[in-house]
């Protein structure tokens, strides 16, 4: 199947800063792909290169298999068949909602433009606001109008750059849920940029996690979460407990038992990374089980976060976090049994913290 969008060996410099470093990325027809990463990793630059908003310096950009930018030529954004939604929405303040949506339909007769704009607004639940001006709308409503304007021309690809970051948490959840349904119902090929791992896991069929202008790992959200290729990937998707250990007899000793050490030689220093939800706490202590001491507990709504103290094998104290479902608030100083879900514990050769 020909990718709807592909970036091939794309590199981009801003002065001495290499924003993209031989980036390869493809998006299949109907797929929602999220470019995820910390600030400055190059994800927005990649989106702007795909859109034609940044001049291609090196590499090739193809849409539906056709070259739209290479070393010799570049199609302007309005000839690439892409729809764009940015963080600030960029609505025209002097135009009513329906005229904002119809703005990109200039090749249609006036009556058809209005009909198409009205249909897209209805799809997004905004038909009652078509005669309003942008300043009369909430942030979530403005986001829906911006999405409607991008979808109205029927773009080959929709490009979203941090589209929900300006919304408060509760509204953000609602609007991105509505957006995902619209994209999936319409089979819209989408490339979205975000720095929020939870948002990427919610929205994406596939995530490409970037660092320093390159893709570190890409795949289904569950693959990146449960099978990270390095400590950076493991730590990016959630808060993480991290400590060092040393391989001994093909195993890695931890305060919670031993972990397997495949392909690591004895004596190698390793980073052990454990997600807070992998530490399972209980007040029923088995005779020879591992124990931890509670420092403090906090209720976070659907889960409880417990700060713990555990002793490592050399007698040092480790400050760890556990996350338990629902209400679980042990008292300060309480001693609890702890067991480990090894599917959420990861081991990598030790590297300096960045």
C-alpha atoms as a PDB file:
ATOM      1  CA  UNK A   1       0.000   0.000   0.000  1.00  0.00           C
ATOM      2  CA  UNK A   2       1.359   3.406  -0.989  1.00  0.00           C
ATOM      3  CA  UNK A   3       1.770   5.661   2.069  1.00  0.00           C
ATOM      4  CA  UNK A   4      -0.485   8.714   2.159  1.00  0.00           C
ATOM      5  CA  UNK A   5       2.506  10.697   3.441  1.00  0.00           C
ATOM      6  CA  UNK A   6       6.192   9.871   3.607  1.00  0.00           C
ATOM      7  CA  UNK A   7       9.257  11.792   4.711  1.00  0.00           C
ATOM      8  CA  UNK A   8      12.443  10.199   3.449  1.00  0.00           C
ATOM      9  CA  UNK A   9      15.888  11.026   4.896  1.00  0.00           C
ATOM     10  CA  UNK A  10      14.710  14.530   5.806  1.00  0.00           C
ATOM     11  CA  UNK A  11      17.257  16.753   7.559  1.00  0.00           C
ATOM     12  CA  UNK A  12      16.783  20.373   8.615  1.00  0.00           C
ATOM     13  CA  UNK A  13      19.054  22.952  10.228  1.00  0.00           C
ATOM     14  CA  UNK A  14      18.297  26.175  12.092  1.00  0.00           C
ATOM     15  CA  UNK A  15      21.742  27.753  12.114  1.00  0.00           C
ATOM     16  CA  UNK A  16      23.989  25.399  14.099  1.00  0.00           C
ATOM     17  CA  UNK A  17      20.990  23.418  15.449  1.00  0.00           C
ATOM     18  CA  UNK A  18      20.118  20.216  13.603  1.00  0.00           C
ATOM     19  CA  UNK A  19      16.346  19.997  14.115  1.00  0.00           C
ATOM     20  CA  UNK A  20      15.851  16.902  11.934  1.00  0.00           C
ATOM     21  CA  UNK A  21      18.523  14.302  11.324  1.00  0.00           C
ATOM     22  CA  UNK A  22      17.785  11.956   8.389  1.00  0.00           C
ATOM     23  CA  UNK A  23      14.197  11.460   9.530  1.00  0.00           C
ATOM     24  CA  UNK A  24      12.175   8.670   7.896  1.00  0.00           C
ATOM     25  CA  UNK A  25       8.441   8.593   8.566  1.00  0.00           C
ATOM     26  CA  UNK A  26       5.375   7.292   6.748  1.00  0.00           C
ATOM     27  CA  UNK A  27       1.626   7.479   7.392  1.00  0.00           C
ATOM     28  CA  UNK A  28      -0.712   4.922   5.826  1.00  0.00           C
ATOM     29  CA  UNK A  29      -4.106   5.941   4.363  1.00  0.00           C
ATOM     30  CA  UNK A  30      -6.648   6.356   7.161  1.00  0.00           C
ATOM     31  CA  UNK A  31      -3.995   6.039   9.868  1.00  0.00           C
ATOM     32  CA  UNK A  32      -3.595   8.411  12.814  1.00  0.00           C
ATOM     33  CA  UNK A  33       0.103   8.814  13.651  1.00  0.00           C
ATOM     34  CA  UNK A  34       1.387  10.921  16.537  1.00  0.00           C
ATOM     35  CA  UNK A  35       4.821  12.521  16.525  1.00  0.00           C
ATOM     36  CA  UNK A  36       5.664  12.579  20.215  1.00  0.00           C
ATOM     37  CA  UNK A  37       8.631  13.975  22.085  1.00  0.00           C
ATOM     38  CA  UNK A  38      10.011  16.660  24.391  1.00  0.00           C
ATOM     39  CA  UNK A  39      10.255  20.310  23.406  1.00  0.00           C
ATOM     40  CA  UNK A  40      12.950  20.916  20.803  1.00  0.00           C
ATOM     41  CA  UNK A  41      13.075  17.333  19.507  1.00  0.00           C
ATOM     42  CA  UNK A  42      12.034  18.367  15.956  1.00  0.00           C
ATOM     43  CA  UNK A  43       8.446  17.116  15.830  1.00  0.00           C
ATOM     44  CA  UNK A  44       6.839  20.444  14.830  1.00  0.00           C
ATOM     45  CA  UNK A  45       9.594  21.036  12.279  1.00  0.00           C
ATOM     46  CA  UNK A  46       8.778  17.662  10.694  1.00  0.00           C
ATOM     47  CA  UNK A  47       5.103  18.644  10.481  1.00  0.00           C
ATOM     48  CA  UNK A  48       5.916  22.012   8.931  1.00  0.00           C
ATOM     49  CA  UNK A  49       8.213  20.397   6.369  1.00  0.00           C
ATOM     50  CA  UNK A  50       5.407  17.977   5.446  1.00  0.00           C
ATOM     51  CA  UNK A  51       3.001  20.905   5.073  1.00  0.00           C
ATOM     52  CA  UNK A  52       5.415  22.998   3.010  1.00  0.00           C
ATOM     53  CA  UNK A  53       5.604  25.718   5.654  1.00  0.00           C
ATOM     54  CA  UNK A  54       9.346  25.074   6.051  1.00  0.00           C
ATOM     55  CA  UNK A  55      11.455  24.834   2.914  1.00  0.00           C
ATOM     56  CA  UNK A  56      12.874  21.348   2.492  1.00  0.00           C
ATOM     57  CA  UNK A  57      16.645  21.403   2.900  1.00  0.00           C
ATOM     58  CA  UNK A  58      17.481  17.731   2.451  1.00  0.00           C
ATOM     59  CA  UNK A  59      15.459  14.604   1.662  1.00  0.00           C
ATOM     60  CA  UNK A  60      12.135  13.897  -0.075  1.00  0.00           C
ATOM     61  CA  UNK A  61       8.476  14.448   0.877  1.00  0.00           C
ATOM     62  CA  UNK A  62       5.814  12.405  -0.915  1.00  0.00           C
ATOM     63  CA  UNK A  63       2.018  12.570  -0.723  1.00  0.00           C
ATOM     64  CA  UNK A  64       0.156   9.572  -2.193  1.00  0.00           C
ATOM     65  CA  UNK A  65       3.458   8.471  -3.684  1.00  0.00           C
ATOM     66  CA  UNK A  66       3.988  11.712  -5.600  1.00  0.00           C
ATOM     67  CA  UNK A  67       6.987  13.891  -4.819  1.00  0.00           C
ATOM     68  CA  UNK A  68       5.847  17.246  -3.431  1.00  0.00           C
ATOM     69  CA  UNK A  69       9.297  18.385  -2.295  1.00  0.00           C
ATOM     70  CA  UNK A  70      12.867  17.381  -3.027  1.00  0.00           C
ATOM     71  CA  UNK A  71      16.206  19.047  -3.753  1.00  0.00           C
ATOM     72  CA  UNK A  72      14.911  20.457  -7.059  1.00  0.00           C
ATOM     73  CA  UNK A  73      11.373  21.659  -6.409  1.00  0.00           C
ATOM     74  CA  UNK A  74       8.662  22.137  -3.799  1.00  0.00           C
ATOM     75  CA  UNK A  75       4.884  22.474  -4.090  1.00  0.00           C
ATOM     76  CA  UNK A  76       3.404  25.303  -2.010  1.00  0.00           C
ATOM     77  CA  UNK A  77       1.160  24.316   0.929  1.00  0.00           C
ATOM     78  CA  UNK A  78      -2.116  25.111  -0.883  1.00  0.00           C
ATOM     79  CA  UNK A  79      -1.266  22.630  -3.651  1.00  0.00           C
ATOM     80  CA  UNK A  80      -0.365  19.696  -1.404  1.00  0.00           C
ATOM     81  CA  UNK A  81      -3.909  18.767  -0.406  1.00  0.00           C
ATOM     82  CA  UNK A  82      -3.247  19.032   3.325  1.00  0.00           C
ATOM     83  CA  UNK A  83      -5.410  20.441   6.093  1.00  0.00           C
ATOM     84  CA  UNK A  84      -3.771  22.280   8.986  1.00  0.00           C
ATOM     85  CA  UNK A  85      -4.861  22.873  12.581  1.00  0.00           C
ATOM     86  CA  UNK A  86      -2.502  24.754  14.880  1.00  0.00           C
ATOM     87  CA  UNK A  87      -2.356  25.434  18.589  1.00  0.00           C
ATOM     88  CA  UNK A  88      -3.800  28.950  18.230  1.00  0.00           C
ATOM     89  CA  UNK A  89      -6.546  27.902  15.727  1.00  0.00           C
ATOM     90  CA  UNK A  90      -5.929  31.087  13.613  1.00  0.00           C
ATOM     91  CA  UNK A  91      -9.626  31.816  12.984  1.00  0.00           C
ATOM     92  CA  UNK A  92     -10.520  35.021  11.166  1.00  0.00           C
ATOM     93  CA  UNK A  93     -12.061  37.280  13.847  1.00  0.00           C
ATOM     94  CA  UNK A  94     -14.110  39.331  11.371  1.00  0.00           C
ATOM     95  CA  UNK A  95     -15.783  36.283   9.765  1.00  0.00           C
ATOM     96  CA  UNK A  96     -18.704  34.315  11.105  1.00  0.00           C
ATOM     97  CA  UNK A  97     -18.127  30.650  11.925  1.00  0.00           C
ATOM     98  CA  UNK A  98     -19.653  29.360   8.697  1.00  0.00           C
ATOM     99  CA  UNK A  99     -17.568  31.804   6.639  1.00  0.00           C
ATOM    100  CA  UNK A 100     -14.406  30.710   8.473  1.00  0.00           C
ATOM    101  CA  UNK A 101     -15.157  27.102   7.542  1.00  0.00           C
ATOM    102  CA  UNK A 102     -16.060  27.967   3.941  1.00  0.00           C
ATOM    103  CA  UNK A 103     -12.930  30.068   3.446  1.00  0.00           C
ATOM    104  CA  UNK A 104     -10.906  27.232   1.906  1.00  0.00           C
ATOM    105  CA  UNK A 105     -13.659  26.218  -0.534  1.00  0.00           C
ATOM    106  CA  UNK A 106     -13.130  29.035  -3.016  1.00  0.00           C
ATOM    107  CA  UNK A 107     -13.289  26.693  -6.027  1.00  0.00           C
ATOM    108  CA  UNK A 108     -16.921  25.811  -5.250  1.00  0.00           C
ATOM    109  CA  UNK A 109     -20.014  27.845  -6.130  1.00  0.00           C
ATOM    110  CA  UNK A 110     -21.166  29.999  -3.217  1.00  0.00           C
ATOM    111  CA  UNK A 111     -24.226  27.884  -2.403  1.00  0.00           C
ATOM    112  CA  UNK A 112     -22.244  24.655  -2.398  1.00  0.00           C
ATOM    113  CA  UNK A 113     -19.569  26.252  -0.199  1.00  0.00           C
ATOM    114  CA  UNK A 114     -22.129  27.164   2.409  1.00  0.00           C
ATOM    115  CA  UNK A 115     -23.766  23.741   2.242  1.00  0.00           C
ATOM    116  CA  UNK A 116     -20.443  21.940   2.682  1.00  0.00           C
ATOM    117  CA  UNK A 117     -19.452  24.200   5.583  1.00  0.00           C
ATOM    118  CA  UNK A 118     -22.802  23.651   7.290  1.00  0.00           C
ATOM    119  CA  UNK A 119     -22.516  19.867   6.898  1.00  0.00           C
ATOM    120  CA  UNK A 120     -19.042  19.768   8.479  1.00  0.00           C
ATOM    121  CA  UNK A 121     -20.176  21.990  11.356  1.00  0.00           C
ATOM    122  CA  UNK A 122     -23.118  19.677  11.970  1.00  0.00           C
ATOM    123  CA  UNK A 123     -20.767  16.701  12.051  1.00  0.00           C
ATOM    124  CA  UNK A 124     -18.840  18.427  14.830  1.00  0.00           C
ATOM    125  CA  UNK A 125     -21.943  19.519  16.743  1.00  0.00           C
ATOM    126  CA  UNK A 126     -21.439  23.199  15.892  1.00  0.00           C
ATOM    127  CA  UNK A 127     -24.411  23.845  13.586  1.00  0.00           C
ATOM    128  CA  UNK A 128     -26.078  26.115  16.159  1.00  0.00           C
ATOM    129  CA  UNK A 129     -23.064  28.465  16.112  1.00  0.00           C
ATOM    130  CA  UNK A 130     -22.607  28.980  12.379  1.00  0.00           C
ATOM    131  CA  UNK A 131     -23.572  32.662  12.545  1.00  0.00           C
ATOM    132  CA  UNK A 132     -21.462  33.440  15.626  1.00  0.00           C
ATOM    133  CA  UNK A 133     -18.097  35.198  15.546  1.00  0.00           C
ATOM    134  CA  UNK A 134     -14.995  33.468  16.976  1.00  0.00           C
ATOM    135  CA  UNK A 135     -14.777  35.747  20.034  1.00  0.00           C
ATOM    136  CA  UNK A 136     -18.237  34.532  21.080  1.00  0.00           C
ATOM    137  CA  UNK A 137     -17.039  30.908  21.336  1.00  0.00           C
ATOM    138  CA  UNK A 138     -15.289  28.963  24.069  1.00  0.00           C
ATOM    139  CA  UNK A 139     -11.843  27.502  23.485  1.00  0.00           C
ATOM    140  CA  UNK A 140     -13.277  24.074  22.776  1.00  0.00           C
ATOM    141  CA  UNK A 141     -15.771  25.498  20.284  1.00  0.00           C
ATOM    142  CA  UNK A 142     -13.021  27.434  18.509  1.00  0.00           C
ATOM    143  CA  UNK A 143     -11.016  24.232  18.238  1.00  0.00           C
ATOM    144  CA  UNK A 144     -13.972  22.470  16.605  1.00  0.00           C
ATOM    145  CA  UNK A 145     -14.349  25.328  14.106  1.00  0.00           C
ATOM    146  CA  UNK A 146     -10.647  25.148  13.255  1.00  0.00           C
ATOM    147  CA  UNK A 147     -10.980  21.407  12.711  1.00  0.00           C
ATOM    148  CA  UNK A 148     -14.077  21.912  10.551  1.00  0.00           C
ATOM    149  CA  UNK A 149     -12.234  24.474   8.408  1.00  0.00           C
ATOM    150  CA  UNK A 150      -9.336  22.039   7.895  1.00  0.00           C
ATOM    151  CA  UNK A 151     -11.661  19.140   7.010  1.00  0.00           C
ATOM    152  CA  UNK A 152     -14.048  21.041   4.728  1.00  0.00           C
ATOM    153  CA  UNK A 153     -11.926  20.813   1.537  1.00  0.00           C
ATOM    154  CA  UNK A 154     -11.547  17.040   2.017  1.00  0.00           C
ATOM    155  CA  UNK A 155      -7.743  17.067   2.431  1.00  0.00           C
ATOM    156  CA  UNK A 156      -5.639  14.034   1.631  1.00  0.00           C
ATOM    157  CA  UNK A 157      -3.882  14.464   4.966  1.00  0.00           C
ATOM    158  CA  UNK A 158      -4.751  16.365   8.137  1.00  0.00           C
ATOM    159  CA  UNK A 159      -1.816  17.861  10.041  1.00  0.00           C
ATOM    160  CA  UNK A 160      -2.416  18.789  13.688  1.00  0.00           C
ATOM    161  CA  UNK A 161       0.178  20.714  15.725  1.00  0.00           C
ATOM    162  CA  UNK A 162      -0.567  20.546  19.486  1.00  0.00           C
ATOM    163  CA  UNK A 163      -4.268  21.199  18.741  1.00  0.00           C
ATOM    164  CA  UNK A 164      -5.549  20.616  22.293  1.00  0.00           C
ATOM    165  CA  UNK A 165      -2.789  22.203  24.378  1.00  0.00           C
ATOM    166  CA  UNK A 166      -4.680  25.473  24.928  1.00  0.00           C
ATOM    167  CA  UNK A 167      -7.672  23.757  26.558  1.00  0.00           C
ATOM    168  CA  UNK A 168      -8.119  22.995  30.247  1.00  0.00           C
ATOM    169  CA  UNK A 169      -7.791  19.336  31.269  1.00  0.00           C
ATOM    170  CA  UNK A 170     -11.475  18.378  31.390  1.00  0.00           C
ATOM    171  CA  UNK A 171     -12.364  20.103  28.125  1.00  0.00           C
ATOM    172  CA  UNK A 172      -9.244  18.707  26.475  1.00  0.00           C
ATOM    173  CA  UNK A 173     -10.385  15.135  27.198  1.00  0.00           C
ATOM    174  CA  UNK A 174     -13.815  15.822  25.721  1.00  0.00           C
ATOM    175  CA  UNK A 175     -12.622  17.605  22.587  1.00  0.00           C
ATOM    176  CA  UNK A 176      -9.927  15.114  21.674  1.00  0.00           C
ATOM    177  CA  UNK A 177     -12.434  12.274  22.131  1.00  0.00           C
ATOM    178  CA  UNK A 178     -14.822  14.000  19.720  1.00  0.00           C
ATOM    179  CA  UNK A 179     -11.963  14.710  17.305  1.00  0.00           C
ATOM    180  CA  UNK A 180     -10.817  11.079  17.267  1.00  0.00           C
ATOM    181  CA  UNK A 181     -14.356   9.893  16.445  1.00  0.00           C
ATOM    182  CA  UNK A 182     -14.607  12.367  13.565  1.00  0.00           C
ATOM    183  CA  UNK A 183     -11.214  11.329  12.160  1.00  0.00           C
ATOM    184  CA  UNK A 184     -11.999   7.626  12.382  1.00  0.00           C
ATOM    185  CA  UNK A 185     -15.517   7.927  10.988  1.00  0.00           C
ATOM    186  CA  UNK A 186     -14.181   9.866   8.012  1.00  0.00           C
ATOM    187  CA  UNK A 187     -11.108   7.665   7.519  1.00  0.00           C
ATOM    188  CA  UNK A 188      -8.960  10.814   7.616  1.00  0.00           C
ATOM    189  CA  UNK A 189      -5.217  10.273   7.316  1.00  0.00           C
ATOM    190  CA  UNK A 190      -3.712  12.263  10.186  1.00  0.00           C
ATOM    191  CA  UNK A 191      -0.281  13.275  11.436  1.00  0.00           C
ATOM    192  CA  UNK A 192      -0.456  14.931  14.848  1.00  0.00           C
ATOM    193  CA  UNK A 193       2.258  16.527  16.970  1.00  0.00           C
ATOM    194  CA  UNK A 194       2.052  16.390  20.756  1.00  0.00           C
ATOM    195  CA  UNK A 195       4.372  16.439  23.772  1.00  0.00           C
ATOM    196  CA  UNK A 196       1.784  14.622  25.934  1.00  0.00           C
ATOM    197  CA  UNK A 197       2.308  10.817  26.041  1.00  0.00           C
ATOM    198  CA  UNK A 198      -1.200  10.139  27.359  1.00  0.00           C
ATOM    199  CA  UNK A 199      -2.693  12.164  24.512  1.00  0.00           C
ATOM    200  CA  UNK A 200      -0.578  10.277  21.978  1.00  0.00           C
ATOM    201  CA  UNK A 201      -1.669   6.920  23.384  1.00  0.00           C
ATOM    202  CA  UNK A 202      -5.312   8.043  23.269  1.00  0.00           C
ATOM    203  CA  UNK A 203      -5.238   9.406  19.720  1.00  0.00           C
ATOM    204  CA  UNK A 204      -2.719   7.323  17.808  1.00  0.00           C
ATOM    205  CA  UNK A 205      -2.824   4.094  15.867  1.00  0.00           C
ATOM    206  CA  UNK A 206       0.950   4.447  15.826  1.00  0.00           C
ATOM    207  CA  UNK A 207       3.376   6.641  17.777  1.00  0.00           C
ATOM    208  CA  UNK A 208       6.765   7.874  16.574  1.00  0.00           C
ATOM    209  CA  UNK A 209       8.740   9.015  19.629  1.00  0.00           C
ATOM    210  CA  UNK A 210      11.426  11.559  18.734  1.00  0.00           C
ATOM    211  CA  UNK A 211      14.600  12.745  20.391  1.00  0.00           C
ATOM    212  CA  UNK A 212      17.234  15.106  18.975  1.00  0.00           C
ATOM    213  CA  UNK A 213      15.736  15.105  15.478  1.00  0.00           C
ATOM    214  CA  UNK A 214      15.435  11.343  15.141  1.00  0.00           C
ATOM    215  CA  UNK A 215      12.789   8.716  15.799  1.00  0.00           C
ATOM    216  CA  UNK A 216      13.892   6.631  18.768  1.00  0.00           C
ATOM    217  CA  UNK A 217      11.068   4.087  18.557  1.00  0.00           C
ATOM    218  CA  UNK A 218       7.815   3.785  16.657  1.00  0.00           C
ATOM    219  CA  UNK A 219       4.909   1.384  16.867  1.00  0.00           C
ATOM    220  CA  UNK A 220       1.522   0.846  18.469  1.00  0.00           C
ATOM    221  CA  UNK A 221       1.093   2.651  21.805  1.00  0.00           C
ATOM    222  CA  UNK A 222       1.123  -0.636  23.747  1.00  0.00           C
ATOM    223  CA  UNK A 223       4.401  -1.654  22.092  1.00  0.00           C
ATOM    224  CA  UNK A 224       6.185   1.504  23.223  1.00  0.00           C
ATOM    225  CA  UNK A 225       4.682   1.312  26.714  1.00  0.00           C
ATOM    226  CA  UNK A 226       5.400  -2.354  27.410  1.00  0.00           C
ATOM    227  CA  UNK A 227       8.440  -2.934  25.170  1.00  0.00           C
ATOM    228  CA  UNK A 228      10.585   0.236  25.280  1.00  0.00           C
ATOM    229  CA  UNK A 229      13.928   0.019  23.498  1.00  0.00           C
ATOM    230  CA  UNK A 230      15.791   2.153  26.038  1.00  0.00           C
ATOM    231  CA  UNK A 231      15.463   4.077  29.296  1.00  0.00           C
ATOM    232  CA  UNK A 232      14.420   7.287  27.524  1.00  0.00           C
ATOM    233  CA  UNK A 233      11.372   5.585  25.989  1.00  0.00           C
ATOM    234  CA  UNK A 234      10.438   3.826  29.229  1.00  0.00           C
ATOM    235  CA  UNK A 235      10.655   7.041  31.239  1.00  0.00           C
ATOM    236  CA  UNK A 236       8.828   9.212  28.734  1.00  0.00           C
ATOM    237  CA  UNK A 237       5.488   7.447  29.056  1.00  0.00           C
ATOM    238  CA  UNK A 238       5.059   7.661  32.816  1.00  0.00           C
ATOM    239  CA  UNK A 239       6.661   8.566  36.080  1.00  0.00           C
ATOM    240  CA  UNK A 240       9.295   5.917  36.727  1.00  0.00           C
ATOM    241  CA  UNK A 241      11.236   4.481  39.644  1.00  0.00           C
ATOM    242  CA  UNK A 242      14.895   4.258  38.659  1.00  0.00           C
ATOM    243  CA  UNK A 243      17.886   2.762  40.440  1.00  0.00           C
ATOM    244  CA  UNK A 244      21.041   0.883  39.513  1.00  0.00           C
ATOM    245  CA  UNK A 245      22.014  -2.724  40.058  1.00  0.00           C
ATOM    246  CA  UNK A 246      24.661  -5.174  38.856  1.00  0.00           C
ATOM    247  CA  UNK A 247      24.171  -8.391  36.893  1.00  0.00           C
ATOM    248  CA  UNK A 248      25.064 -11.469  38.925  1.00  0.00           C
ATOM    249  CA  UNK A 249      24.751 -15.052  37.679  1.00  0.00           C
ATOM    250  CA  UNK A 250      22.599 -13.953  34.780  1.00  0.00           C
ATOM    251  CA  UNK A 251      20.099 -12.215  37.085  1.00  0.00           C
ATOM    252  CA  UNK A 252      19.592  -8.699  38.417  1.00  0.00           C
ATOM    253  CA  UNK A 253      18.963  -8.401  42.157  1.00  0.00           C
ATOM    254  CA  UNK A 254      16.397  -5.804  43.286  1.00  0.00           C
ATOM    255  CA  UNK A 255      14.629  -5.104  46.604  1.00  0.00           C
ATOM    256  CA  UNK A 256      11.629  -6.978  45.180  1.00  0.00           C
ATOM    257  CA  UNK A 257      13.328 -10.122  43.914  1.00  0.00           C
ATOM    258  CA  UNK A 258      15.448 -10.921  40.900  1.00  0.00           C
ATOM    259  CA  UNK A 259      14.873  -9.903  37.292  1.00  0.00           C
ATOM    260  CA  UNK A 260      16.088 -11.701  34.193  1.00  0.00           C
ATOM    261  CA  UNK A 261      19.179 -10.269  32.498  1.00  0.00           C
ATOM    262  CA  UNK A 262      19.110 -11.596  28.943  1.00  0.00           C
ATOM    263  CA  UNK A 263      22.285 -10.973  26.936  1.00  0.00           C
ATOM    264  CA  UNK A 264      23.976  -9.019  29.765  1.00  0.00           C
ATOM    265  CA  UNK A 265      27.296 -10.212  31.167  1.00  0.00           C
ATOM    266  CA  UNK A 266      27.890 -10.647  34.880  1.00  0.00           C
ATOM    267  CA  UNK A 267      29.263  -7.519  36.519  1.00  0.00           C
ATOM    268  CA  UNK A 268      27.540  -5.092  34.123  1.00  0.00           C
ATOM    269  CA  UNK A 269      26.024  -2.017  35.777  1.00  0.00           C
ATOM    270  CA  UNK A 270      22.373  -1.627  34.758  1.00  0.00           C
ATOM    271  CA  UNK A 271      19.531   0.830  35.165  1.00  0.00           C
ATOM    272  CA  UNK A 272      16.392  -0.747  36.592  1.00  0.00           C
ATOM    273  CA  UNK A 273      13.205   1.131  35.714  1.00  0.00           C
ATOM    274  CA  UNK A 274       9.917   0.234  37.366  1.00  0.00           C
ATOM    275  CA  UNK A 275       6.576   1.899  36.713  1.00  0.00           C
ATOM    276  CA  UNK A 276       4.712   2.929  39.899  1.00  0.00           C
ATOM    277  CA  UNK A 277       1.753   0.688  39.024  1.00  0.00           C
ATOM    278  CA  UNK A 278       4.128  -2.304  38.881  1.00  0.00           C
ATOM    279  CA  UNK A 279       4.614  -2.145  42.665  1.00  0.00           C
ATOM    280  CA  UNK A 280       1.658  -3.927  44.233  1.00  0.00           C
ATOM    281  CA  UNK A 281       1.154  -3.210  47.906  1.00  0.00           C
ATOM    282  CA  UNK A 282      -0.653  -5.248  50.537  1.00  0.00           C
ATOM    283  CA  UNK A 283      -1.176  -5.178  54.292  1.00  0.00           C
ATOM    284  CA  UNK A 284      -0.994  -8.988  54.363  1.00  0.00           C
ATOM    285  CA  UNK A 285       2.677  -9.824  54.660  1.00  0.00           C
ATOM    286  CA  UNK A 286       3.951 -13.267  53.638  1.00  0.00           C
ATOM    287  CA  UNK A 287       6.700 -14.745  55.889  1.00  0.00           C
ATOM    288  CA  UNK A 288       9.606 -14.154  53.478  1.00  0.00           C
ATOM    289  CA  UNK A 289       8.217 -11.448  51.193  1.00  0.00           C
ATOM    290  CA  UNK A 290       9.653  -8.014  50.436  1.00  0.00           C
ATOM    291  CA  UNK A 291       8.474  -5.055  52.506  1.00  0.00           C
ATOM    292  CA  UNK A 292       8.516  -1.260  52.215  1.00  0.00           C
ATOM    293  CA  UNK A 293       7.837   1.596  54.605  1.00  0.00           C
ATOM    294  CA  UNK A 294       5.243   4.261  53.783  1.00  0.00           C
ATOM    295  CA  UNK A 295       6.495   7.860  53.706  1.00  0.00           C
ATOM    296  CA  UNK A 296       3.157   9.454  52.709  1.00  0.00           C
ATOM    297  CA  UNK A 297       0.032   8.745  50.650  1.00  0.00           C
ATOM    298  CA  UNK A 298      -2.013  10.925  48.323  1.00  0.00           C
ATOM    299  CA  UNK A 299      -5.408  10.370  46.722  1.00  0.00           C
ATOM    300  CA  UNK A 300      -5.364  11.344  43.018  1.00  0.00           C
ATOM    301  CA  UNK A 301      -8.939  10.506  42.066  1.00  0.00           C
ATOM    302  CA  UNK A 302      -8.961   7.185  40.225  1.00  0.00           C
ATOM    303  CA  UNK A 303      -5.670   6.113  41.833  1.00  0.00           C
ATOM    304  CA  UNK A 304      -3.641   6.605  44.998  1.00  0.00           C
ATOM    305  CA  UNK A 305       0.051   7.539  44.929  1.00  0.00           C
ATOM    306  CA  UNK A 306       2.138   6.144  47.784  1.00  0.00           C
ATOM    307  CA  UNK A 307       5.662   7.397  48.535  1.00  0.00           C
ATOM    308  CA  UNK A 308       7.773   4.512  49.817  1.00  0.00           C
ATOM    309  CA  UNK A 309      11.138   3.791  51.352  1.00  0.00           C
ATOM    310  CA  UNK A 310      12.846   0.519  50.449  1.00  0.00           C
ATOM    311  CA  UNK A 311      16.314  -0.767  51.263  1.00  0.00           C
ATOM    312  CA  UNK A 312      18.552  -1.910  48.440  1.00  0.00           C
ATOM    313  CA  UNK A 313      20.973  -4.817  48.730  1.00  0.00           C
ATOM    314  CA  UNK A 314      23.784  -2.563  49.999  1.00  0.00           C
ATOM    315  CA  UNK A 315      21.706  -1.072  52.783  1.00  0.00           C
ATOM    316  CA  UNK A 316      20.939   2.215  51.020  1.00  0.00           C
ATOM    317  CA  UNK A 317      17.452   3.656  51.116  1.00  0.00           C
ATOM    318  CA  UNK A 318      15.488   4.079  47.897  1.00  0.00           C
ATOM    319  CA  UNK A 319      12.651   6.582  47.604  1.00  0.00           C
ATOM    320  CA  UNK A 320      10.039   4.952  45.363  1.00  0.00           C
ATOM    321  CA  UNK A 321       6.492   5.610  44.205  1.00  0.00           C
ATOM    322  CA  UNK A 322       3.665   3.093  43.916  1.00  0.00           C
ATOM    323  CA  UNK A 323       0.324   3.728  42.260  1.00  0.00           C
ATOM    324  CA  UNK A 324      -2.679   1.714  43.446  1.00  0.00           C
ATOM    325  CA  UNK A 325      -6.187   1.717  41.949  1.00  0.00           C
ATOM    326  CA  UNK A 326      -8.940   3.525  43.852  1.00  0.00           C
ATOM    327  CA  UNK A 327      -8.570   4.608  47.481  1.00  0.00           C
ATOM    328  CA  UNK A 328      -5.537   3.118  49.204  1.00  0.00           C
ATOM    329  CA  UNK A 329      -4.083   5.459  51.836  1.00  0.00           C
ATOM    330  CA  UNK A 330      -1.810   3.681  54.331  1.00  0.00           C
ATOM    331  CA  UNK A 331      -0.523   5.657  57.302  1.00  0.00           C
ATOM    332  CA  UNK A 332       2.926   7.238  57.450  1.00  0.00           C
ATOM    333  CA  UNK A 333       5.436   4.700  58.752  1.00  0.00           C
ATOM    334  CA  UNK A 334       3.236   1.695  57.987  1.00  0.00           C
ATOM    335  CA  UNK A 335       5.094  -1.413  56.771  1.00  0.00           C
ATOM    336  CA  UNK A 336       3.556  -3.061  53.709  1.00  0.00           C
ATOM    337  CA  UNK A 337       4.270  -6.121  51.634  1.00  0.00           C
ATOM    338  CA  UNK A 338       5.289  -5.401  48.062  1.00  0.00           C
ATOM    339  CA  UNK A 339       5.350  -7.559  44.936  1.00  0.00           C
ATOM    340  CA  UNK A 340       6.499  -6.695  41.443  1.00  0.00           C
ATOM    341  CA  UNK A 341       4.716  -6.960  38.091  1.00  0.00           C
ATOM    342  CA  UNK A 342       7.725  -7.822  35.962  1.00  0.00           C
ATOM    343  CA  UNK A 343       5.955  -6.834  32.716  1.00  0.00           C
ATOM    344  CA  UNK A 344       6.370  -3.217  33.821  1.00  0.00           C
ATOM    345  CA  UNK A 345       9.967  -3.458  34.977  1.00  0.00           C
ATOM    346  CA  UNK A 346      12.744  -2.761  32.469  1.00  0.00           C
ATOM    347  CA  UNK A 347      16.491  -3.238  32.493  1.00  0.00           C
ATOM    348  CA  UNK A 348      19.053  -1.445  30.319  1.00  0.00           C
ATOM    349  CA  UNK A 349      22.820  -0.955  30.504  1.00  0.00           C
ATOM    350  CA  UNK A 350      23.388   2.065  32.737  1.00  0.00           C
ATOM    351  CA  UNK A 351      23.662   5.450  31.056  1.00  0.00           C
ATOM    352  CA  UNK A 352      23.996   8.983  32.479  1.00  0.00           C
ATOM    353  CA  UNK A 353      20.766  10.827  33.249  1.00  0.00           C
ATOM    354  CA  UNK A 354      19.937  13.539  30.679  1.00  0.00           C
END
